[in-house]
Amino acid sequence: MKQFDSIESLQDYLSGSLQNTPDTAYEVKLDVTDIAGLGDLIREAKKYVSLELSGVTEIPKDAFYNREFRYSKNPYLTSVTIPDTVTSIGGSAFSSCTGLTSITIPDSVTSIEAWAFHDCESLTSVTIPNGVTGIGDGTFRYCRNLTSITIPDSVTGIGDCAFEDCAGLTSVTIGNSVASIGDRAFYRCTGLTGIAIPDSVASIGDSAFDECTGLADVTLSDSLTSIEQFTFRKCKKLKGITIPASVAYIGKSAFIGCAKLTIVTFLGDLDSDGLDEHAFRGLGDLRNKYLAGGRGTYITVKPDKTAVWTKQCNRQKNRF
């Protein structure tokens, strides 16, 4: 590993180096207190770099992202090790670093701001330290090769679009302190097959799991107060859902396009104002049957716009 104590000396090294590939990325350790200009340097040098940082206390906003060229990608940064002197990662810090496959975030980091890893399409894994209090808007949006994520108990909120279009995401563990999940937070996470939402969660935003076409198993929080519009739209493999008694509102088209939904259990009492007339659009007479029959389990054989739903006797068992 080559070591440098200034960005200028690294620039001299890269400018004199041979062109390389991601598999032969130059391993570089940089000991500086300010990394301003480092992202542009690596992008313009067009040399692949595996970077270990030292001496810095923060990763600033746009550190490796060129905002002047909004659609510009930086494929040359392949991995980053952040030192334990760093406490925050700024907004869009690594946005569009499309060659970034791994990043080491120390336990000292308590803040990861919005869009920090947006469009890091090669990133396969990341560990969020237990000390981070929030996942900002768009933080991991378009990280399409990210396969699993564990959100620690220190996190209290997941922002809008936080994991939108993470198609490779198959496993999500949500910590027991998360109180809110933002709009489109997991939109189009097509590889996600199951999700357990802890009882700490009181609100889930519009389209939070919209177009999660592989989602078959959902457990909702017993503290959830509403299911907003399009929340589970086009969850084509979802066979059953239990609506907690705490839910006072189900929004428009919340379950539209759930082509395999044959069992719905209502644990509470919703009136016509709390159950949008299009909440179960495309699922036959479910809304009318529930408003007439009240809490209980409703089943159908053919979940489409002509579906006839029947309230299940208490002695029968649910089979999703």
C-alpha atoms as a PDB file:
ATOM      1  CA  MET A   1       0.000   0.000   0.000  1.00  0.00           C
ATOM      2  CA  LYS A   2       1.280   3.420  -0.993  1.00  0.00           C
ATOM      3  CA  GLN A   3       1.034   6.136   1.688  1.00  0.00           C
ATOM      4  CA  PHE A   4       0.600   9.847   1.063  1.00  0.00           C
ATOM      5  CA  ASP A   5       0.339  12.877   3.342  1.00  0.00           C
ATOM      6  CA  SER A   6      -1.169  15.320   0.841  1.00  0.00           C
ATOM      7  CA  ILE A   7      -3.646  15.269  -2.021  1.00  0.00           C
ATOM      8  CA  GLU A   8      -0.991  16.857  -4.246  1.00  0.00           C
ATOM      9  CA  SER A   9       1.434  13.972  -3.742  1.00  0.00           C
ATOM     10  CA  LEU A  10      -1.344  11.490  -4.533  1.00  0.00           C
ATOM     11  CA  GLN A  11      -2.115  13.446  -7.673  1.00  0.00           C
ATOM     12  CA  ASP A  12       1.514  13.206  -8.792  1.00  0.00           C
ATOM     13  CA  TYR A  13       1.499   9.468  -8.169  1.00  0.00           C
ATOM     14  CA  LEU A  14      -1.709   8.798 -10.093  1.00  0.00           C
ATOM     15  CA  SER A  15      -0.745  11.007 -13.019  1.00  0.00           C
ATOM     16  CA  GLY A  16       2.447   8.985 -13.472  1.00  0.00           C
ATOM     17  CA  SER A  17       0.846   5.572 -13.019  1.00  0.00           C
ATOM     18  CA  LEU A  18      -0.206   3.131 -15.697  1.00  0.00           C
ATOM     19  CA  GLN A  19      -3.868   2.646 -16.497  1.00  0.00           C
ATOM     20  CA  ASN A  20      -5.314  -0.160 -14.378  1.00  0.00           C
ATOM     21  CA  THR A  21      -8.537  -2.117 -13.847  1.00  0.00           C
ATOM     22  CA  PRO A  22     -10.896  -2.508 -10.867  1.00  0.00           C
ATOM     23  CA  ASP A  23      -9.174  -5.817 -10.055  1.00  0.00           C
ATOM     24  CA  THR A  24      -5.776  -4.105  -9.951  1.00  0.00           C
ATOM     25  CA  ALA A  25      -6.869  -0.931  -8.167  1.00  0.00           C
ATOM     26  CA  TYR A  26      -4.029   1.017  -6.583  1.00  0.00           C
ATOM     27  CA  GLU A  27      -4.118   0.573  -2.808  1.00  0.00           C
ATOM     28  CA  VAL A  28      -3.651   4.008  -1.291  1.00  0.00           C
ATOM     29  CA  LYS A  29      -3.535   5.350   2.264  1.00  0.00           C
ATOM     30  CA  LEU A  30      -4.074   9.077   2.542  1.00  0.00           C
ATOM     31  CA  ASP A  31      -3.301  10.884   5.818  1.00  0.00           C
ATOM     32  CA  VAL A  32      -4.867  14.357   5.605  1.00  0.00           C
ATOM     33  CA  THR A  33      -7.310  16.470   7.603  1.00  0.00           C
ATOM     34  CA  ASP A  34      -9.204  17.817   4.581  1.00  0.00           C
ATOM     35  CA  ILE A  35     -10.235  15.765   1.539  1.00  0.00           C
ATOM     36  CA  ALA A  36     -11.607  18.653  -0.533  1.00  0.00           C
ATOM     37  CA  GLY A  37     -10.930  17.958  -4.209  1.00  0.00           C
ATOM     38  CA  LEU A  38     -10.116  14.279  -3.696  1.00  0.00           C
ATOM     39  CA  GLY A  39     -13.178  13.032  -5.549  1.00  0.00           C
ATOM     40  CA  ASP A  40     -12.455  15.163  -8.598  1.00  0.00           C
ATOM     41  CA  LEU A  41      -8.813  14.086  -8.536  1.00  0.00           C
ATOM     42  CA  ILE A  42      -9.672  10.364  -8.670  1.00  0.00           C
ATOM     43  CA  ARG A  43     -12.321  10.893 -11.343  1.00  0.00           C
ATOM     44  CA  GLU A  44     -10.067  12.980 -13.573  1.00  0.00           C
ATOM     45  CA  ALA A  45      -7.035  10.715 -13.151  1.00  0.00           C
ATOM     46  CA  LYS A  46      -9.121   7.788 -14.455  1.00  0.00           C
ATOM     47  CA  LYS A  47      -7.163   5.338 -12.311  1.00  0.00           C
ATOM     48  CA  TYR A  48      -8.903   2.799 -10.095  1.00  0.00           C
ATOM     49  CA  VAL A  49      -8.190   3.398  -6.397  1.00  0.00           C
ATOM     50  CA  SER A  50      -8.801   1.429  -3.202  1.00  0.00           C
ATOM     51  CA  LEU A  51      -8.653   4.128  -0.539  1.00  0.00           C
ATOM     52  CA  GLU A  52      -7.868   4.090   3.170  1.00  0.00           C
ATOM     53  CA  LEU A  53      -8.330   7.435   4.873  1.00  0.00           C
ATOM     54  CA  SER A  54      -6.591   8.723   7.997  1.00  0.00           C
ATOM     55  CA  GLY A  55      -6.649  12.016   9.895  1.00  0.00           C
ATOM     56  CA  VAL A  56     -10.073  13.250   8.797  1.00  0.00           C
ATOM     57  CA  THR A  57     -12.950  13.903  11.201  1.00  0.00           C
ATOM     58  CA  GLU A  58     -15.751  14.058   8.655  1.00  0.00           C
ATOM     59  CA  ILE A  59     -16.604  13.007   5.136  1.00  0.00           C
ATOM     60  CA  PRO A  60     -18.083  16.272   3.818  1.00  0.00           C
ATOM     61  CA  LYS A  61     -21.049  16.817   1.564  1.00  0.00           C
ATOM     62  CA  ASP A  62     -20.357  15.904  -2.087  1.00  0.00           C
ATOM     63  CA  ALA A  63     -16.908  14.607  -1.144  1.00  0.00           C
ATOM     64  CA  PHE A  64     -16.739  12.233  -4.119  1.00  0.00           C
ATOM     65  CA  TYR A  65     -19.683  13.619  -6.106  1.00  0.00           C
ATOM     66  CA  ASN A  66     -19.444  16.363  -8.719  1.00  0.00           C
ATOM     67  CA  ARG A  67     -22.662  18.348  -8.401  1.00  0.00           C
ATOM     68  CA  GLU A  68     -21.785  20.566 -11.390  1.00  0.00           C
ATOM     69  CA  PHE A  69     -22.098  17.526 -13.622  1.00  0.00           C
ATOM     70  CA  ARG A  70     -25.262  16.089 -12.163  1.00  0.00           C
ATOM     71  CA  TYR A  71     -25.299  12.882 -14.179  1.00  0.00           C
ATOM     72  CA  SER A  72     -21.554  12.288 -13.947  1.00  0.00           C
ATOM     73  CA  LYS A  73     -20.483   8.878 -12.604  1.00  0.00           C
ATOM     74  CA  ASN A  74     -17.293   8.049 -10.743  1.00  0.00           C
ATOM     75  CA  PRO A  75     -16.382   4.405 -11.420  1.00  0.00           C
ATOM     76  CA  TYR A  76     -12.769   4.729 -10.223  1.00  0.00           C
ATOM     77  CA  LEU A  77     -13.205   4.559  -6.438  1.00  0.00           C
ATOM     78  CA  THR A  78     -13.488   0.818  -5.688  1.00  0.00           C
ATOM     79  CA  SER A  79     -13.359   0.674  -1.874  1.00  0.00           C
ATOM     80  CA  VAL A  80     -13.064   3.030   1.086  1.00  0.00           C
ATOM     81  CA  THR A  81     -11.984   2.539   4.687  1.00  0.00           C
ATOM     82  CA  ILE A  82     -13.119   5.405   6.916  1.00  0.00           C
ATOM     83  CA  PRO A  83     -11.104   6.001  10.138  1.00  0.00           C
ATOM     84  CA  ASP A  84     -12.638   6.016  13.605  1.00  0.00           C
ATOM     85  CA  THR A  85     -11.992   9.757  13.897  1.00  0.00           C
ATOM     86  CA  VAL A  86     -14.967  10.375  11.599  1.00  0.00           C
ATOM     87  CA  THR A  87     -18.392  11.062  13.150  1.00  0.00           C
ATOM     88  CA  SER A  88     -20.431  12.093  10.108  1.00  0.00           C
ATOM     89  CA  ILE A  89     -20.844  11.294   6.427  1.00  0.00           C
ATOM     90  CA  GLY A  90     -22.251  14.253   4.523  1.00  0.00           C
ATOM     91  CA  GLY A  91     -25.048  14.413   1.994  1.00  0.00           C
ATOM     92  CA  SER A  92     -24.265  12.848  -1.397  1.00  0.00           C
ATOM     93  CA  ALA A  93     -20.732  12.141  -0.170  1.00  0.00           C
ATOM     94  CA  PHE A  94     -20.362   8.997  -2.300  1.00  0.00           C
ATOM     95  CA  SER A  95     -23.284   9.556  -4.657  1.00  0.00           C
ATOM     96  CA  SER A  96     -22.779   8.010  -8.125  1.00  0.00           C
ATOM     97  CA  CYS A  97     -19.558   6.216  -7.124  1.00  0.00           C
ATOM     98  CA  THR A  98     -20.638   3.392  -9.381  1.00  0.00           C
ATOM     99  CA  GLY A  99     -17.445   1.346  -8.924  1.00  0.00           C
ATOM    100  CA  LEU A 100     -17.620   1.286  -5.113  1.00  0.00           C
ATOM    101  CA  THR A 101     -17.989  -2.350  -4.016  1.00  0.00           C
ATOM    102  CA  SER A 102     -17.238  -2.054  -0.295  1.00  0.00           C
ATOM    103  CA  ILE A 103     -17.020   0.565   2.410  1.00  0.00           C
ATOM    104  CA  THR A 104     -15.962   0.272   6.026  1.00  0.00           C
ATOM    105  CA  ILE A 105     -17.852   2.649   8.328  1.00  0.00           C
ATOM    106  CA  PRO A 106     -16.509   2.838  11.896  1.00  0.00           C
ATOM    107  CA  ASP A 107     -18.651   2.768  15.045  1.00  0.00           C
ATOM    108  CA  SER A 108     -17.730   6.425  15.644  1.00  0.00           C
ATOM    109  CA  VAL A 109     -20.108   7.524  12.859  1.00  0.00           C
ATOM    110  CA  THR A 110     -23.454   8.747  14.219  1.00  0.00           C
ATOM    111  CA  SER A 111     -24.782  10.622  11.190  1.00  0.00           C
ATOM    112  CA  ILE A 112     -25.228   9.470   7.584  1.00  0.00           C
ATOM    113  CA  GLU A 113     -26.946  12.243   5.656  1.00  0.00           C
ATOM    114  CA  ALA A 114     -29.316  12.161   2.689  1.00  0.00           C
ATOM    115  CA  TRP A 115     -28.216  10.610  -0.601  1.00  0.00           C
ATOM    116  CA  ALA A 116     -24.832   9.647   0.895  1.00  0.00           C
ATOM    117  CA  PHE A 117     -24.541   6.408  -1.133  1.00  0.00           C
ATOM    118  CA  HIS A 118     -27.130   7.111  -3.809  1.00  0.00           C
ATOM    119  CA  ASP A 119     -26.460   5.241  -7.064  1.00  0.00           C
ATOM    120  CA  CYS A 120     -23.539   3.203  -5.729  1.00  0.00           C
ATOM    121  CA  GLU A 121     -24.696   0.449  -8.015  1.00  0.00           C
ATOM    122  CA  SER A 122     -21.779  -1.944  -7.323  1.00  0.00           C
ATOM    123  CA  LEU A 123     -22.034  -1.800  -3.520  1.00  0.00           C
ATOM    124  CA  THR A 124     -22.850  -5.306  -2.283  1.00  0.00           C
ATOM    125  CA  SER A 125     -22.765  -4.880   1.495  1.00  0.00           C
ATOM    126  CA  VAL A 126     -22.595  -2.196   4.146  1.00  0.00           C
ATOM    127  CA  THR A 127     -22.721  -2.243   7.923  1.00  0.00           C
ATOM    128  CA  ILE A 128     -24.570   0.639   9.563  1.00  0.00           C
ATOM    129  CA  PRO A 129     -22.962   1.320  12.962  1.00  0.00           C
ATOM    130  CA  ASN A 130     -25.040   1.043  16.117  1.00  0.00           C
ATOM    131  CA  GLY A 131     -24.989   4.744  16.926  1.00  0.00           C
ATOM    132  CA  VAL A 132     -26.416   6.124  13.710  1.00  0.00           C
ATOM    133  CA  THR A 133     -29.784   7.688  14.567  1.00  0.00           C
ATOM    134  CA  GLY A 134     -31.358   8.024  11.142  1.00  0.00           C
ATOM    135  CA  ILE A 135     -31.223   6.782   7.544  1.00  0.00           C
ATOM    136  CA  GLY A 136     -31.677   9.943   5.450  1.00  0.00           C
ATOM    137  CA  ASP A 137     -33.678  10.426   2.278  1.00  0.00           C
ATOM    138  CA  GLY A 138     -32.287   8.478  -0.669  1.00  0.00           C
ATOM    139  CA  THR A 139     -29.275   7.249   1.301  1.00  0.00           C
ATOM    140  CA  PHE A 140     -28.977   3.917  -0.544  1.00  0.00           C
ATOM    141  CA  ARG A 141     -31.272   4.620  -3.502  1.00  0.00           C
ATOM    142  CA  TYR A 142     -30.276   2.719  -6.657  1.00  0.00           C
ATOM    143  CA  CYS A 143     -27.774   0.512  -4.803  1.00  0.00           C
ATOM    144  CA  ARG A 144     -29.030  -2.316  -6.974  1.00  0.00           C
ATOM    145  CA  ASN A 145     -26.474  -4.927  -5.894  1.00  0.00           C
ATOM    146  CA  LEU A 146     -26.922  -4.431  -2.154  1.00  0.00           C
ATOM    147  CA  THR A 147     -28.154  -7.811  -0.901  1.00  0.00           C
ATOM    148  CA  SER A 148     -28.893  -7.306   2.782  1.00  0.00           C
ATOM    149  CA  ILE A 149     -29.161  -4.555   5.339  1.00  0.00           C
ATOM    150  CA  THR A 150     -29.480  -4.476   9.110  1.00  0.00           C
ATOM    151  CA  ILE A 151     -30.819  -1.270  10.577  1.00  0.00           C
ATOM    152  CA  PRO A 152     -29.569  -1.032  14.176  1.00  0.00           C
ATOM    153  CA  ASP A 153     -31.648  -0.241  17.240  1.00  0.00           C
ATOM    154  CA  SER A 154     -30.132   3.259  17.411  1.00  0.00           C
ATOM    155  CA  VAL A 155     -31.991   4.328  14.248  1.00  0.00           C
ATOM    156  CA  THR A 156     -35.328   6.078  14.828  1.00  0.00           C
ATOM    157  CA  GLY A 157     -36.356   6.844  11.253  1.00  0.00           C
ATOM    158  CA  ILE A 158     -35.919   5.625   7.673  1.00  0.00           C
ATOM    159  CA  GLY A 159     -36.184   8.487   5.183  1.00  0.00           C
ATOM    160  CA  ASP A 160     -38.043   8.849   1.899  1.00  0.00           C
ATOM    161  CA  CYS A 161     -36.607   6.726  -0.939  1.00  0.00           C
ATOM    162  CA  ALA A 162     -33.904   5.426   1.423  1.00  0.00           C
ATOM    163  CA  PHE A 163     -33.648   2.032  -0.333  1.00  0.00           C
ATOM    164  CA  GLU A 164     -35.641   2.755  -3.469  1.00  0.00           C
ATOM    165  CA  ASP A 165     -34.840   0.490  -6.418  1.00  0.00           C
ATOM    166  CA  CYS A 166     -32.452  -1.758  -4.480  1.00  0.00           C
ATOM    167  CA  ALA A 167     -33.505  -4.678  -6.645  1.00  0.00           C
ATOM    168  CA  GLY A 168     -30.912  -7.086  -5.212  1.00  0.00           C
ATOM    169  CA  LEU A 169     -32.009  -6.557  -1.616  1.00  0.00           C
ATOM    170  CA  THR A 170     -33.299  -9.884  -0.264  1.00  0.00           C
ATOM    171  CA  SER A 171     -32.961  -9.374   3.490  1.00  0.00           C
ATOM    172  CA  VAL A 172     -33.909  -6.362   5.634  1.00  0.00           C
ATOM    173  CA  THR A 173     -33.792  -6.298   9.428  1.00  0.00           C
ATOM    174  CA  ILE A 174     -35.367  -3.217  10.997  1.00  0.00           C
ATOM    175  CA  GLY A 175     -34.279  -2.255  14.511  1.00  0.00           C
ATOM    176  CA  ASN A 176     -36.676  -1.899  17.424  1.00  0.00           C
ATOM    177  CA  SER A 177     -36.359   1.898  17.728  1.00  0.00           C
ATOM    178  CA  VAL A 178     -37.519   2.833  14.229  1.00  0.00           C
ATOM    179  CA  ALA A 179     -40.697   4.916  14.552  1.00  0.00           C
ATOM    180  CA  SER A 180     -41.265   5.917  10.928  1.00  0.00           C
ATOM    181  CA  ILE A 181     -40.639   4.573   7.431  1.00  0.00           C
ATOM    182  CA  GLY A 182     -40.751   7.244   4.732  1.00  0.00           C
ATOM    183  CA  ASP A 183     -42.463   7.505   1.362  1.00  0.00           C
ATOM    184  CA  ARG A 184     -41.076   5.051  -1.225  1.00  0.00           C
ATOM    185  CA  ALA A 185     -38.529   3.851   1.334  1.00  0.00           C
ATOM    186  CA  PHE A 186     -38.368   0.351  -0.210  1.00  0.00           C
ATOM    187  CA  TYR A 187     -40.056   1.124  -3.518  1.00  0.00           C
ATOM    188  CA  ARG A 188     -39.346  -1.472  -6.199  1.00  0.00           C
ATOM    189  CA  CYS A 189     -37.138  -3.683  -4.026  1.00  0.00           C
ATOM    190  CA  THR A 190     -38.148  -6.584  -6.226  1.00  0.00           C
ATOM    191  CA  GLY A 191     -35.866  -9.151  -4.555  1.00  0.00           C
ATOM    192  CA  LEU A 192     -37.339  -8.636  -1.091  1.00  0.00           C
ATOM    193  CA  THR A 193     -39.401 -11.673  -0.071  1.00  0.00           C
ATOM    194  CA  GLY A 194     -40.344 -10.852   3.515  1.00  0.00           C
ATOM    195  CA  ILE A 195     -40.405  -7.962   5.981  1.00  0.00           C
ATOM    196  CA  ALA A 196     -41.147  -7.766   9.698  1.00  0.00           C
ATOM    197  CA  ILE A 197     -41.997  -4.257  10.831  1.00  0.00           C
ATOM    198  CA  PRO A 198     -41.315  -3.892  14.563  1.00  0.00           C
ATOM    199  CA  ASP A 199     -43.928  -2.587  16.988  1.00  0.00           C
ATOM    200  CA  SER A 200     -41.987   0.669  17.393  1.00  0.00           C
ATOM    201  CA  VAL A 201     -43.128   1.773  13.918  1.00  0.00           C
ATOM    202  CA  ALA A 202     -46.169   4.057  14.006  1.00  0.00           C
ATOM    203  CA  SER A 203     -46.151   5.365  10.432  1.00  0.00           C
ATOM    204  CA  ILE A 204     -45.308   4.006   6.981  1.00  0.00           C
ATOM    205  CA  GLY A 205     -45.314   6.460   4.069  1.00  0.00           C
ATOM    206  CA  ASP A 206     -46.912   6.404   0.633  1.00  0.00           C
ATOM    207  CA  SER A 207     -45.644   3.649  -1.692  1.00  0.00           C
ATOM    208  CA  ALA A 208     -43.202   2.413   0.954  1.00  0.00           C
ATOM    209  CA  PHE A 209     -43.278  -1.152  -0.455  1.00  0.00           C
ATOM    210  CA  ASP A 210     -44.844  -0.319  -3.810  1.00  0.00           C
ATOM    211  CA  GLU A 211     -43.841  -2.745  -6.598  1.00  0.00           C
ATOM    212  CA  CYS A 212     -42.007  -5.114  -4.252  1.00  0.00           C
ATOM    213  CA  THR A 213     -43.103  -7.861  -6.604  1.00  0.00           C
ATOM    214  CA  GLY A 214     -41.335 -10.651  -4.682  1.00  0.00           C
ATOM    215  CA  LEU A 215     -42.763  -9.717  -1.280  1.00  0.00           C
ATOM    216  CA  ALA A 216     -44.742 -12.676   0.057  1.00  0.00           C
ATOM    217  CA  ASP A 217     -44.590 -12.337   3.840  1.00  0.00           C
ATOM    218  CA  VAL A 218     -45.395  -9.127   5.759  1.00  0.00           C
ATOM    219  CA  THR A 219     -45.770  -8.617   9.501  1.00  0.00           C
ATOM    220  CA  LEU A 220     -47.119  -5.206  10.443  1.00  0.00           C
ATOM    221  CA  SER A 221     -46.415  -3.250  13.616  1.00  0.00           C
ATOM    222  CA  ASP A 222     -49.020  -3.384  16.381  1.00  0.00           C
ATOM    223  CA  SER A 223     -48.464   0.371  16.791  1.00  0.00           C
ATOM    224  CA  LEU A 224     -49.154   1.240  13.159  1.00  0.00           C
ATOM    225  CA  THR A 225     -51.808   3.949  12.803  1.00  0.00           C
ATOM    226  CA  SER A 226     -52.288   4.001   9.036  1.00  0.00           C
ATOM    227  CA  ILE A 227     -51.503   2.227   5.775  1.00  0.00           C
ATOM    228  CA  GLU A 228     -51.054   5.012   3.255  1.00  0.00           C
ATOM    229  CA  GLN A 229     -51.845   5.062  -0.439  1.00  0.00           C
ATOM    230  CA  PHE A 230     -50.036   2.565  -2.682  1.00  0.00           C
ATOM    231  CA  THR A 231     -48.121   1.120   0.300  1.00  0.00           C
ATOM    232  CA  PHE A 232     -48.304  -2.467  -0.986  1.00  0.00           C
ATOM    233  CA  ARG A 233     -49.314  -1.808  -4.591  1.00  0.00           C
ATOM    234  CA  LYS A 234     -48.283  -4.585  -6.995  1.00  0.00           C
ATOM    235  CA  CYS A 235     -46.933  -6.876  -4.270  1.00  0.00           C
ATOM    236  CA  LYS A 236     -47.870  -9.700  -6.584  1.00  0.00           C
ATOM    237  CA  LYS A 237     -46.793 -12.574  -4.316  1.00  0.00           C
ATOM    238  CA  LEU A 238     -48.459 -11.354  -1.123  1.00  0.00           C
ATOM    239  CA  LYS A 239     -50.968 -14.039  -0.126  1.00  0.00           C
ATOM    240  CA  GLY A 240     -52.149 -12.786   3.245  1.00  0.00           C
ATOM    241  CA  ILE A 241     -52.048  -9.751   5.527  1.00  0.00           C
ATOM    242  CA  THR A 242     -53.149  -9.015   9.076  1.00  0.00           C
ATOM    243  CA  ILE A 243     -54.272  -5.435   9.710  1.00  0.00           C
ATOM    244  CA  PRO A 244     -53.499  -4.530  13.360  1.00  0.00           C
ATOM    245  CA  ALA A 245     -56.186  -3.080  15.611  1.00  0.00           C
ATOM    246  CA  SER A 246     -54.146   0.131  15.869  1.00  0.00           C
ATOM    247  CA  VAL A 247     -54.702   0.977  12.189  1.00  0.00           C
ATOM    248  CA  ALA A 248     -57.297   3.728  11.824  1.00  0.00           C
ATOM    249  CA  TYR A 249     -56.892   4.432   8.111  1.00  0.00           C
ATOM    250  CA  ILE A 250     -56.107   2.515   4.906  1.00  0.00           C
ATOM    251  CA  GLY A 251     -55.459   4.730   1.906  1.00  0.00           C
ATOM    252  CA  LYS A 252     -56.214   4.668  -1.793  1.00  0.00           C
ATOM    253  CA  SER A 253     -54.993   1.639  -3.758  1.00  0.00           C
ATOM    254  CA  ALA A 254     -52.986   0.424  -0.768  1.00  0.00           C
ATOM    255  CA  PHE A 255     -53.306  -3.172  -1.991  1.00  0.00           C
ATOM    256  CA  ILE A 256     -54.101  -2.747  -5.683  1.00  0.00           C
ATOM    257  CA  GLY A 257     -52.368  -5.291  -7.896  1.00  0.00           C
ATOM    258  CA  CYS A 258     -51.866  -7.838  -5.095  1.00  0.00           C
ATOM    259  CA  ALA A 259     -52.794 -10.658  -7.445  1.00  0.00           C
ATOM    260  CA  LYS A 260     -52.418 -13.501  -4.915  1.00  0.00           C
ATOM    261  CA  LEU A 261     -54.003 -11.878  -1.857  1.00  0.00           C
ATOM    262  CA  THR A 262     -56.600 -14.387  -0.657  1.00  0.00           C
ATOM    263  CA  ILE A 263     -56.633 -13.890   3.144  1.00  0.00           C
ATOM    264  CA  VAL A 264     -57.066 -10.572   4.970  1.00  0.00           C
ATOM    265  CA  THR A 265     -57.490 -10.381   8.735  1.00  0.00           C
ATOM    266  CA  PHE A 266     -58.816  -7.208  10.347  1.00  0.00           C
ATOM    267  CA  LEU A 267     -58.100  -7.046  14.072  1.00  0.00           C
ATOM    268  CA  GLY A 268     -59.804  -3.684  14.556  1.00  0.00           C
ATOM    269  CA  ASP A 269     -62.852  -1.694  13.523  1.00  0.00           C
ATOM    270  CA  LEU A 270     -62.583   0.714  10.599  1.00  0.00           C
ATOM    271  CA  ASP A 271     -65.501   2.785   9.377  1.00  0.00           C
ATOM    272  CA  SER A 272     -66.116   3.930   5.817  1.00  0.00           C
ATOM    273  CA  ASP A 273     -64.086   7.111   6.400  1.00  0.00           C
ATOM    274  CA  GLY A 274     -61.095   5.117   7.647  1.00  0.00           C
ATOM    275  CA  LEU A 275     -61.199   2.657   4.766  1.00  0.00           C
ATOM    276  CA  ASP A 276     -60.735   4.482   1.476  1.00  0.00           C
ATOM    277  CA  GLU A 277     -63.236   3.343  -1.144  1.00  0.00           C
ATOM    278  CA  HIS A 278     -60.330   2.269  -3.362  1.00  0.00           C
ATOM    279  CA  ALA A 279     -58.132   0.754  -0.632  1.00  0.00           C
ATOM    280  CA  PHE A 280     -58.720  -2.758  -1.999  1.00  0.00           C
ATOM    281  CA  ARG A 281     -59.343  -1.696  -5.569  1.00  0.00           C
ATOM    282  CA  GLY A 282     -59.330  -4.661  -7.922  1.00  0.00           C
ATOM    283  CA  LEU A 283     -60.113  -7.113  -5.111  1.00  0.00           C
ATOM    284  CA  GLY A 284     -63.862  -7.451  -5.522  1.00  0.00           C
ATOM    285  CA  ASP A 285     -66.247  -6.885  -2.627  1.00  0.00           C
ATOM    286  CA  LEU A 286     -63.735  -7.091   0.253  1.00  0.00           C
ATOM    287  CA  ARG A 287     -64.338  -3.529   1.426  1.00  0.00           C
ATOM    288  CA  ASN A 288     -68.098  -3.915   1.492  1.00  0.00           C
ATOM    289  CA  LYS A 289     -67.949  -7.307   3.195  1.00  0.00           C
ATOM    290  CA  TYR A 290     -65.684  -5.957   5.947  1.00  0.00           C
ATOM    291  CA  LEU A 291     -67.765  -2.818   6.558  1.00  0.00           C
ATOM    292  CA  ALA A 292     -70.798  -5.059   6.936  1.00  0.00           C
ATOM    293  CA  GLY A 293     -69.167  -7.869   8.890  1.00  0.00           C
ATOM    294  CA  GLY A 294     -66.566  -6.125  11.044  1.00  0.00           C
ATOM    295  CA  ARG A 295     -63.360  -7.508  12.460  1.00  0.00           C
ATOM    296  CA  GLY A 296     -62.299 -11.002  11.473  1.00  0.00           C
ATOM    297  CA  THR A 297     -60.657 -12.948   8.680  1.00  0.00           C
ATOM    298  CA  TYR A 298     -61.901 -12.736   5.107  1.00  0.00           C
ATOM    299  CA  ILE A 299     -60.993 -15.202   2.388  1.00  0.00           C
ATOM    300  CA  THR A 300     -61.483 -15.571  -1.347  1.00  0.00           C
ATOM    301  CA  VAL A 301     -60.468 -18.065  -3.976  1.00  0.00           C
ATOM    302  CA  LYS A 302     -59.955 -15.713  -6.902  1.00  0.00           C
ATOM    303  CA  PRO A 303     -58.408 -12.343  -5.908  1.00  0.00           C
ATOM    304  CA  ASP A 304     -59.494 -10.125  -8.779  1.00  0.00           C
ATOM    305  CA  LYS A 305     -62.048  -7.379  -9.408  1.00  0.00           C
ATOM    306  CA  THR A 306     -64.907  -9.900  -9.354  1.00  0.00           C
ATOM    307  CA  ALA A 307     -63.736 -11.631  -6.168  1.00  0.00           C
ATOM    308  CA  VAL A 308     -66.363 -12.665  -3.644  1.00  0.00           C
ATOM    309  CA  TRP A 309     -65.041 -12.608  -0.082  1.00  0.00           C
ATOM    310  CA  THR A 310     -66.348 -14.676   2.803  1.00  0.00           C
ATOM    311  CA  LYS A 311     -65.863 -14.092   6.500  1.00  0.00           C
ATOM    312  CA  GLN A 312     -64.087 -17.084   8.004  1.00  0.00           C
ATOM    313  CA  CYS A 313     -65.427 -18.848  11.081  1.00  0.00           C
ATOM    314  CA  ASN A 314     -63.235 -18.411  14.182  1.00  0.00           C
ATOM    315  CA  ARG A 315     -62.534 -22.118  14.474  1.00  0.00           C
ATOM    316  CA  GLN A 316     -60.904 -22.215  11.032  1.00  0.00           C
ATOM    317  CA  LYS A 317     -57.173 -21.578  10.718  1.00  0.00           C
ATOM    318  CA  ASN A 318     -55.551 -19.042   8.442  1.00  0.00           C
ATOM    319  CA  ARG A 319     -53.370 -20.492   5.733  1.00  0.00           C
ATOM    320  CA  PHE A 320     -51.461 -17.860   3.804  1.00  0.00           C
END
